[in-house]
Amino acid sequence: MIEALLLAAANPAMRAIDAERAFAAQAQEAGQWTAFRNWSAPEAIMFTPNAGSAQAFLNDRKDPPIAVYWWPGRSFVSCDGNLAVNSGPWVREGGKTVGYFTTVWQRQPDGGWKWLLDHGDSLPAMRAEGGDIEPAVAACSKPVPSKPPRGTGAATEAGGGSSKDGTLHWGWTVEQDGSRNVFAMLWDGKEHRMVIDDKVAPGR
C-alpha cells in the first residue's frame, strides 16, 4: 500500500493530496523525520518555533520511536494545478495529543511534489475532517490582482508566495511576541477568498 502511494505521488498526473497521503504513510514506514527530509524542497520552511530552514532542522535528526500520524482534511489547489495547500488533523501516541497541520506543496519540474512549508499546532480536541475528500480547485478566470495580507504591521518576519497563474496565494507572518499566522487565499472567480487562517500562540 505504501509503495503504491509513493509511486502514485511521483506520477505527474497525481495530486498534492495524494502526495500528502504518501508523505504520511512514509513517516509510519520509514520514520517521521526521514519522511520529512524526503518530501521537503530545498527552500522549505518550518517553525521550531521560529521560522527557519527545514533542511537545517531536519539534517541528521533521529526519527522518534513513534511517528506522528496525520491525514488531509482539506485541500486547495491553484487553477494551473502546480501549487496546493493541504490541512487536516494529526494524532500522536494513539490520541494522547491531537492537533492540526497545514502544508504548502509545489509541483516539481519532474512532475512530483515537494512541500515548501509545514506547520501546525496542538488542539484540545481533534478536528472532524478527512475521509474521501476532493480538493477545492481555484476558478480559472483571470484573477484580479491582489496582495495577500502581511500581518498587523508589527510582524518581524514574513514570507510566502503565489501560483504562477495568481489563483492561489499563501503566506506566513511572525509577530514581535512570537505568535504566527499561516494563511492561504483561493481565487473563486470574484475574489481571493481566505481558505486557511491559522493563528498560533507565542512559543508553539
Foldseek 3Di string as FASTA:
>chain_A
DLVVLVVQQLDLVHAVLSVVVSLLVCCQVPAPLVSLVVQADQQAWEPPPNIDGSCVVSVVDDGDPGHKGWHFFAKEAEQVRFKIKTKFKIAPPVRPWIWMKIWIWGQDPSSHIHTRYIYIDTDPDGDPGDDPDDYHYADPDQDDDDDDDADDVQFPDKDWAADPSRQKTWMKTAGPQQKMWTWMFGHHPHHGHTDGTDIGDHPD
